[in-house]
Amino acid sequence: MHTLTVEQQDELISIIDGEFGSQLEFTDFADAMLGLFENIAGFETLTKARSSRYVKLLWRKYRGQKAH
């Protein structure tokens, strides 16, 4: 099963924030996050629907963070 803990979700968002900042548009965020998924064992084979759900979940968390 492909699952991410809250801590893992936060870590992925932290990586994106560190690499690209906190002001990405959705498309750029999605591309970056899908790139990270390629480096997580098991996540490189996520279905498009499943990866889309994760990207949307992580996007909401990313946009909810305080701007730097």
C-alpha atoms as a PDB file:
ATOM      1  CA  MET A   1       0.000   0.000   0.000  1.00  0.00           C
ATOM      2  CA  HIS A   2       1.259   3.463  -0.852  1.00  0.00           C
ATOM      3  CA  THR A   3       0.838   5.682   2.175  1.00  0.00           C
ATOM      4  CA  LEU A   4       2.573   8.721   3.587  1.00  0.00           C
ATOM      5  CA  THR A   5       2.607   9.631   7.245  1.00  0.00           C
ATOM      6  CA  VAL A   6       1.984  13.236   8.245  1.00  0.00           C
ATOM      7  CA  GLU A   7       5.711  13.522   8.949  1.00  0.00           C
ATOM      8  CA  GLN A   8       6.565  12.218   5.469  1.00  0.00           C
ATOM      9  CA  GLN A   9       4.083  14.639   3.902  1.00  0.00           C
ATOM     10  CA  ASP A  10       5.671  17.500   5.829  1.00  0.00           C
ATOM     11  CA  GLU A  11       9.137  16.381   4.740  1.00  0.00           C
ATOM     12  CA  LEU A  12       8.129  16.350   1.061  1.00  0.00           C
ATOM     13  CA  ILE A  13       6.689  19.841   1.386  1.00  0.00           C
ATOM     14  CA  SER A  14       9.858  20.968   3.143  1.00  0.00           C
ATOM     15  CA  ILE A  15      11.964  19.613   0.275  1.00  0.00           C
ATOM     16  CA  ILE A  16       9.851  21.456  -2.307  1.00  0.00           C
ATOM     17  CA  ASP A  17       9.989  24.636  -0.247  1.00  0.00           C
ATOM     18  CA  GLY A  18      13.755  24.376   0.123  1.00  0.00           C
ATOM     19  CA  GLU A  19      14.347  23.722  -3.566  1.00  0.00           C
ATOM     20  CA  PHE A  20      11.749  26.013  -5.155  1.00  0.00           C
ATOM     21  CA  GLY A  21      10.395  28.333  -2.467  1.00  0.00           C
ATOM     22  CA  SER A  22       6.886  28.729  -1.136  1.00  0.00           C
ATOM     23  CA  GLN A  23       5.257  30.506  -4.061  1.00  0.00           C
ATOM     24  CA  LEU A  24       5.009  27.838  -6.763  1.00  0.00           C
ATOM     25  CA  GLU A  25       1.954  27.688  -8.979  1.00  0.00           C
ATOM     26  CA  PHE A  26       0.048  24.394  -8.890  1.00  0.00           C
ATOM     27  CA  THR A  27       1.455  23.020 -12.164  1.00  0.00           C
ATOM     28  CA  ASP A  28       5.058  23.633 -11.096  1.00  0.00           C
ATOM     29  CA  PHE A  29       4.368  22.201  -7.646  1.00  0.00           C
ATOM     30  CA  ALA A  30       2.759  19.095  -9.168  1.00  0.00           C
ATOM     31  CA  ASP A  31       5.692  18.539 -11.528  1.00  0.00           C
ATOM     32  CA  ALA A  32       8.179  18.887  -8.674  1.00  0.00           C
ATOM     33  CA  MET A  33       6.209  16.578  -6.396  1.00  0.00           C
ATOM     34  CA  LEU A  34       5.822  13.927  -9.089  1.00  0.00           C
ATOM     35  CA  GLY A  35       9.585  14.103  -9.549  1.00  0.00           C
ATOM     36  CA  LEU A  36      10.034  13.396  -5.848  1.00  0.00           C
ATOM     37  CA  PHE A  37       7.624  10.457  -6.062  1.00  0.00           C
ATOM     38  CA  GLU A  38       9.980   8.900  -8.623  1.00  0.00           C
ATOM     39  CA  ASN A  39      12.593   8.639  -5.857  1.00  0.00           C
ATOM     40  CA  ILE A  40      10.343   7.017  -3.252  1.00  0.00           C
ATOM     41  CA  ALA A  41      10.286   3.226  -3.328  1.00  0.00           C
ATOM     42  CA  GLY A  42       6.871   2.077  -4.531  1.00  0.00           C
ATOM     43  CA  PHE A  43       5.681   5.568  -5.419  1.00  0.00           C
ATOM     44  CA  GLU A  44       7.222   5.479  -8.868  1.00  0.00           C
ATOM     45  CA  THR A  45       4.434   3.061  -9.803  1.00  0.00           C
ATOM     46  CA  LEU A  46       1.479   5.036  -8.413  1.00  0.00           C
ATOM     47  CA  THR A  47      -1.540   5.195 -10.665  1.00  0.00           C
ATOM     48  CA  LYS A  48      -2.282   8.586 -12.163  1.00  0.00           C
ATOM     49  CA  ALA A  49      -5.418   8.906 -10.023  1.00  0.00           C
ATOM     50  CA  ARG A  50      -3.578   8.030  -6.814  1.00  0.00           C
ATOM     51  CA  SER A  51      -0.656  10.346  -7.499  1.00  0.00           C
ATOM     52  CA  SER A  52      -3.122  13.121  -8.356  1.00  0.00           C
ATOM     53  CA  ARG A  53      -4.843  12.671  -4.982  1.00  0.00           C
ATOM     54  CA  TYR A  54      -1.506  12.887  -3.175  1.00  0.00           C
ATOM     55  CA  VAL A  55      -0.438  15.960  -5.134  1.00  0.00           C
ATOM     56  CA  LYS A  56      -3.726  17.707  -4.303  1.00  0.00           C
ATOM     57  CA  LEU A  57      -3.422  16.806  -0.619  1.00  0.00           C
ATOM     58  CA  LEU A  58       0.164  18.032  -0.479  1.00  0.00           C
ATOM     59  CA  TRP A  59      -0.742  21.174  -2.462  1.00  0.00           C
ATOM     60  CA  ARG A  60      -3.320  22.132   0.169  1.00  0.00           C
ATOM     61  CA  LYS A  61      -0.697  21.706   2.885  1.00  0.00           C
ATOM     62  CA  TYR A  62       1.922  23.601   0.867  1.00  0.00           C
ATOM     63  CA  ARG A  63      -0.399  26.548   0.233  1.00  0.00           C
ATOM     64  CA  GLY A  64      -1.415  26.593   3.884  1.00  0.00           C
ATOM     65  CA  GLN A  65       2.132  27.213   5.076  1.00  0.00           C
ATOM     66  CA  LYS A  66       3.232  30.695   6.006  1.00  0.00           C
ATOM     67  CA  ALA A  67       5.062  32.634   3.301  1.00  0.00           C
ATOM     68  CA  HIS A  68       8.729  33.373   4.037  1.00  0.00           C
END
